[in-house]
Structures are given as C-alpha cells and as structure tokens.
Amino acid sequence: MEKKRAYVKPSLESEAFVPNTYVAACGDSGTVYYFECNAGSRRNSYNVYFDDGRPYASSNGNEEWYAPFSGYHPCGTTHEANSDSGFRDGYMYLQDRRGNNSGPRIDVVIWTEYGNNVHCTTNLDREDWETAKS
C-alpha cells in the first residue's frame, strides 16, 4: 500500500543581505600601502614642506612646522600605511649646519605616523606602490 503525501503549497523564501563590513564603492579607501621611507640620506637632516610651501618639518625656527623635531631624516623602513591616513605631496631640501635649505629641491610624498612621526618617499607614482593583500 502506497502512503499518500499531503499537498504542500509551493512558497518562495528570501533573505535580505545585510552587510556587516564597510566596502568603498570607488577610490582606494581601506587600501593598505607599503610606504617606504627612503627620501634622503640617513646621516643628513632635511626641511620638509607641503606642496603649497608651508613648512612641515624643519629646524629653522619657524613656528608653523608640524612635527616636533629638528628636521626630517629617513628611517629606511617600509611601513604599512592606510590610504585614509593622509598622504600629502611635498618637497624637501637638505639642511645646512644652521638648519637652512641647501642643495636642490627633492619632490616627495609625505606620510605621518601617529601624528608626529614624519616619513617621506621619492616614489611619487602612488599607482606603483605595493599594497597589502586582503
């Protein structure tokens, strides 16, 4: 004897997608770059400026400078830097013994770690920067 099965009306169930992570639809928000602090020589100090000419890090007595130290020098380290952490275009000059600019202008990209630790790279093409894999 065959057992009869009860009729079940077909139904369609759906679930709503609720994202639990922010994902940018455009730009490079959230990208982590490997930022190499390579501008200049470790044994020298440099005066660093924003691209509009405002001092960023210098020892020449200018009270507008941002970083509280006597001039920038490269650490030579590659840092992980979030794209939202404030990269700025700028330039720098070698400091003479009095903290004044000397030598040719060096174009750089500036990145500040923890608000006052300045790093600069001479790799100006951000599209060539290595990124962390997600």
C-alpha atoms as a PDB file:
ATOM      1  CA  MET A   1       0.000   0.000   0.000  1.00  0.00           C
ATOM      2  CA  GLU A   2       1.228   3.410  -1.028  1.00  0.00           C
ATOM      3  CA  LYS A   3       1.321   6.113   1.551  1.00  0.00           C
ATOM      4  CA  LYS A   4      -0.296   9.332   0.413  1.00  0.00           C
ATOM      5  CA  ARG A   5       1.633  12.522   0.846  1.00  0.00           C
ATOM      6  CA  ALA A   6      -0.067  15.697   1.913  1.00  0.00           C
ATOM      7  CA  TYR A   7      -0.166  18.532  -0.594  1.00  0.00           C
ATOM      8  CA  VAL A   8       2.166  21.452   0.313  1.00  0.00           C
ATOM      9  CA  LYS A   9       1.645  24.743  -1.489  1.00  0.00           C
ATOM     10  CA  PRO A  10       4.943  25.910  -3.037  1.00  0.00           C
ATOM     11  CA  SER A  11       6.405  29.014  -1.450  1.00  0.00           C
ATOM     12  CA  LEU A  12       9.405  31.235  -2.091  1.00  0.00           C
ATOM     13  CA  GLU A  13      11.547  32.352   0.795  1.00  0.00           C
ATOM     14  CA  SER A  14      14.169  35.051   0.542  1.00  0.00           C
ATOM     15  CA  GLU A  15      16.690  36.613   2.860  1.00  0.00           C
ATOM     16  CA  ALA A  16      17.780  40.220   2.895  1.00  0.00           C
ATOM     17  CA  PHE A  17      21.511  40.862   2.504  1.00  0.00           C
ATOM     18  CA  VAL A  18      22.775  42.959   5.414  1.00  0.00           C
ATOM     19  CA  PRO A  19      26.442  43.907   5.046  1.00  0.00           C
ATOM     20  CA  ASN A  20      28.468  43.807   8.232  1.00  0.00           C
ATOM     21  CA  THR A  21      31.597  45.391   6.726  1.00  0.00           C
ATOM     22  CA  TYR A  22      32.007  48.767   5.045  1.00  0.00           C
ATOM     23  CA  VAL A  23      33.196  48.441   1.458  1.00  0.00           C
ATOM     24  CA  ALA A  24      34.033  51.511  -0.606  1.00  0.00           C
ATOM     25  CA  ALA A  25      32.365  51.660  -3.975  1.00  0.00           C
ATOM     26  CA  CYS A  26      35.042  53.839  -5.516  1.00  0.00           C
ATOM     27  CA  GLY A  27      38.547  55.084  -4.824  1.00  0.00           C
ATOM     28  CA  ASP A  28      41.120  53.258  -2.753  1.00  0.00           C
ATOM     29  CA  SER A  29      39.594  53.742   0.695  1.00  0.00           C
ATOM     30  CA  GLY A  30      40.685  50.981   3.017  1.00  0.00           C
ATOM     31  CA  THR A  31      43.733  50.064   0.944  1.00  0.00           C
ATOM     32  CA  VAL A  32      46.917  49.452   2.905  1.00  0.00           C
ATOM     33  CA  TYR A  33      50.098  50.565   1.159  1.00  0.00           C
ATOM     34  CA  TYR A  34      53.654  49.554   1.855  1.00  0.00           C
ATOM     35  CA  PHE A  35      55.165  53.033   2.234  1.00  0.00           C
ATOM     36  CA  GLU A  36      58.965  53.121   2.003  1.00  0.00           C
ATOM     37  CA  CYS A  37      60.622  55.952   3.960  1.00  0.00           C
ATOM     38  CA  ASN A  38      63.503  56.436   1.516  1.00  0.00           C
ATOM     39  CA  ALA A  39      63.802  60.155   0.745  1.00  0.00           C
ATOM     40  CA  GLY A  40      67.245  61.492   1.526  1.00  0.00           C
ATOM     41  CA  SER A  41      70.193  60.081   3.402  1.00  0.00           C
ATOM     42  CA  ARG A  42      70.078  58.766   6.979  1.00  0.00           C
ATOM     43  CA  ARG A  43      73.117  60.783   8.015  1.00  0.00           C
ATOM     44  CA  ASN A  44      71.567  64.118   6.957  1.00  0.00           C
ATOM     45  CA  SER A  45      68.570  66.182   8.079  1.00  0.00           C
ATOM     46  CA  TYR A  46      66.071  67.841   5.766  1.00  0.00           C
ATOM     47  CA  ASN A  47      63.484  70.626   5.860  1.00  0.00           C
ATOM     48  CA  VAL A  48      60.176  69.250   4.530  1.00  0.00           C
ATOM     49  CA  TYR A  49      57.387  71.388   3.038  1.00  0.00           C
ATOM     50  CA  PHE A  50      53.823  70.852   1.863  1.00  0.00           C
ATOM     51  CA  ASP A  51      53.345  71.390  -1.876  1.00  0.00           C
ATOM     52  CA  ASP A  52      51.874  74.838  -1.104  1.00  0.00           C
ATOM     53  CA  GLY A  53      55.150  75.941   0.550  1.00  0.00           C
ATOM     54  CA  ARG A  54      54.102  75.638   4.199  1.00  0.00           C
ATOM     55  CA  PRO A  55      56.825  74.085   6.370  1.00  0.00           C
ATOM     56  CA  TYR A  56      56.094  70.578   7.575  1.00  0.00           C
ATOM     57  CA  ALA A  57      59.244  69.622   9.442  1.00  0.00           C
ATOM     58  CA  SER A  58      62.170  71.964   9.878  1.00  0.00           C
ATOM     59  CA  SER A  59      64.672  73.177  12.409  1.00  0.00           C
ATOM     60  CA  ASN A  60      64.969  76.745  11.156  1.00  0.00           C
ATOM     61  CA  GLY A  61      62.906  78.279  13.968  1.00  0.00           C
ATOM     62  CA  ASN A  62      59.658  78.522  12.016  1.00  0.00           C
ATOM     63  CA  GLU A  63      56.747  78.029  14.427  1.00  0.00           C
ATOM     64  CA  GLU A  64      54.411  76.751  11.689  1.00  0.00           C
ATOM     65  CA  TRP A  65      56.186  73.430  11.305  1.00  0.00           C
ATOM     66  CA  TYR A  66      54.172  70.401  12.156  1.00  0.00           C
ATOM     67  CA  ALA A  67      56.486  67.739  13.515  1.00  0.00           C
ATOM     68  CA  PRO A  68      58.249  68.496  16.813  1.00  0.00           C
ATOM     69  CA  PHE A  69      61.812  67.574  15.903  1.00  0.00           C
ATOM     70  CA  SER A  70      64.856  69.138  14.321  1.00  0.00           C
ATOM     71  CA  GLY A  71      64.339  68.160  10.721  1.00  0.00           C
ATOM     72  CA  TYR A  72      63.444  65.014   8.877  1.00  0.00           C
ATOM     73  CA  HIS A  73      65.772  62.152   8.103  1.00  0.00           C
ATOM     74  CA  PRO A  74      64.699  58.847   6.532  1.00  0.00           C
ATOM     75  CA  CYS A  75      64.358  55.759   8.684  1.00  0.00           C
ATOM     76  CA  GLY A  76      64.746  53.440   5.683  1.00  0.00           C
ATOM     77  CA  THR A  77      61.822  51.284   6.832  1.00  0.00           C
ATOM     78  CA  THR A  78      58.827  50.123   4.819  1.00  0.00           C
ATOM     79  CA  HIS A  79      55.644  50.914   6.780  1.00  0.00           C
ATOM     80  CA  GLU A  80      52.061  49.686   6.366  1.00  0.00           C
ATOM     81  CA  ALA A  81      50.070  52.854   5.762  1.00  0.00           C
ATOM     82  CA  ASN A  82      46.292  53.027   5.313  1.00  0.00           C
ATOM     83  CA  SER A  83      45.156  55.026   2.294  1.00  0.00           C
ATOM     84  CA  ASP A  84      42.980  57.138   4.620  1.00  0.00           C
ATOM     85  CA  SER A  85      45.925  58.154   6.805  1.00  0.00           C
ATOM     86  CA  GLY A  86      46.714  61.367   4.971  1.00  0.00           C
ATOM     87  CA  PHE A  87      49.357  61.219   2.253  1.00  0.00           C
ATOM     88  CA  ARG A  88      50.463  64.694   1.172  1.00  0.00           C
ATOM     89  CA  ASP A  89      52.536  65.903  -1.751  1.00  0.00           C
ATOM     90  CA  GLY A  90      55.530  67.972  -0.811  1.00  0.00           C
ATOM     91  CA  TYR A  91      59.225  68.598  -1.225  1.00  0.00           C
ATOM     92  CA  MET A  92      62.326  68.859   0.879  1.00  0.00           C
ATOM     93  CA  TYR A  93      65.775  70.424   0.999  1.00  0.00           C
ATOM     94  CA  LEU A  94      68.931  69.276   2.704  1.00  0.00           C
ATOM     95  CA  GLN A  95      69.628  71.305   5.878  1.00  0.00           C
ATOM     96  CA  ASP A  96      72.902  73.129   6.262  1.00  0.00           C
ATOM     97  CA  ARG A  97      74.529  73.406   9.709  1.00  0.00           C
ATOM     98  CA  ARG A  98      72.216  76.282  10.643  1.00  0.00           C
ATOM     99  CA  GLY A  99      69.054  74.461   9.580  1.00  0.00           C
ATOM    100  CA  ASN A 100      68.648  76.462   6.371  1.00  0.00           C
ATOM    101  CA  ASN A 101      67.846  74.954   2.969  1.00  0.00           C
ATOM    102  CA  SER A 102      70.728  73.878   0.776  1.00  0.00           C
ATOM    103  CA  GLY A 103      71.074  71.836  -2.374  1.00  0.00           C
ATOM    104  CA  PRO A 104      68.379  71.005  -4.925  1.00  0.00           C
ATOM    105  CA  ARG A 105      64.676  70.586  -4.239  1.00  0.00           C
ATOM    106  CA  ILE A 106      63.606  66.944  -3.772  1.00  0.00           C
ATOM    107  CA  ASP A 107      59.944  66.149  -4.548  1.00  0.00           C
ATOM    108  CA  VAL A 108      58.383  63.693  -2.077  1.00  0.00           C
ATOM    109  CA  VAL A 109      55.144  62.184  -0.806  1.00  0.00           C
ATOM    110  CA  ILE A 110      54.750  62.755   2.953  1.00  0.00           C
ATOM    111  CA  TRP A 111      53.107  60.347   5.379  1.00  0.00           C
ATOM    112  CA  THR A 112      52.764  60.951   9.120  1.00  0.00           C
ATOM    113  CA  GLU A 113      52.610  58.040  11.523  1.00  0.00           C
ATOM    114  CA  TYR A 114      50.925  58.582  14.911  1.00  0.00           C
ATOM    115  CA  GLY A 115      50.520  62.308  14.325  1.00  0.00           C
ATOM    116  CA  ASN A 116      54.164  63.383  14.526  1.00  0.00           C
ATOM    117  CA  ASN A 117      56.469  60.748  13.053  1.00  0.00           C
ATOM    118  CA  VAL A 118      57.203  62.013   9.529  1.00  0.00           C
ATOM    119  CA  HIS A 119      58.138  59.683   6.675  1.00  0.00           C
ATOM    120  CA  CYS A 120      58.849  60.653   3.052  1.00  0.00           C
ATOM    121  CA  THR A 121      59.270  58.716  -0.171  1.00  0.00           C
ATOM    122  CA  THR A 122      60.644  59.713  -3.541  1.00  0.00           C
ATOM    123  CA  ASN A 123      58.321  57.188  -5.225  1.00  0.00           C
ATOM    124  CA  LEU A 124      55.782  59.775  -6.404  1.00  0.00           C
ATOM    125  CA  ASP A 125      53.572  57.469  -8.502  1.00  0.00           C
ATOM    126  CA  ARG A 126      51.102  56.023  -6.000  1.00  0.00           C
ATOM    127  CA  GLU A 127      49.809  53.553  -8.585  1.00  0.00           C
ATOM    128  CA  ASP A 128      53.198  51.812  -8.380  1.00  0.00           C
ATOM    129  CA  TRP A 129      53.067  51.391  -4.600  1.00  0.00           C
ATOM    130  CA  GLU A 130      52.760  47.837  -3.354  1.00  0.00           C
ATOM    131  CA  THR A 131      49.553  47.105  -1.445  1.00  0.00           C
ATOM    132  CA  ALA A 132      48.742  44.596   1.275  1.00  0.00           C
ATOM    133  CA  LYS A 133      46.697  41.648   0.098  1.00  0.00           C
ATOM    134  CA  SER A 134      43.268  41.464   1.644  1.00  0.00           C
END
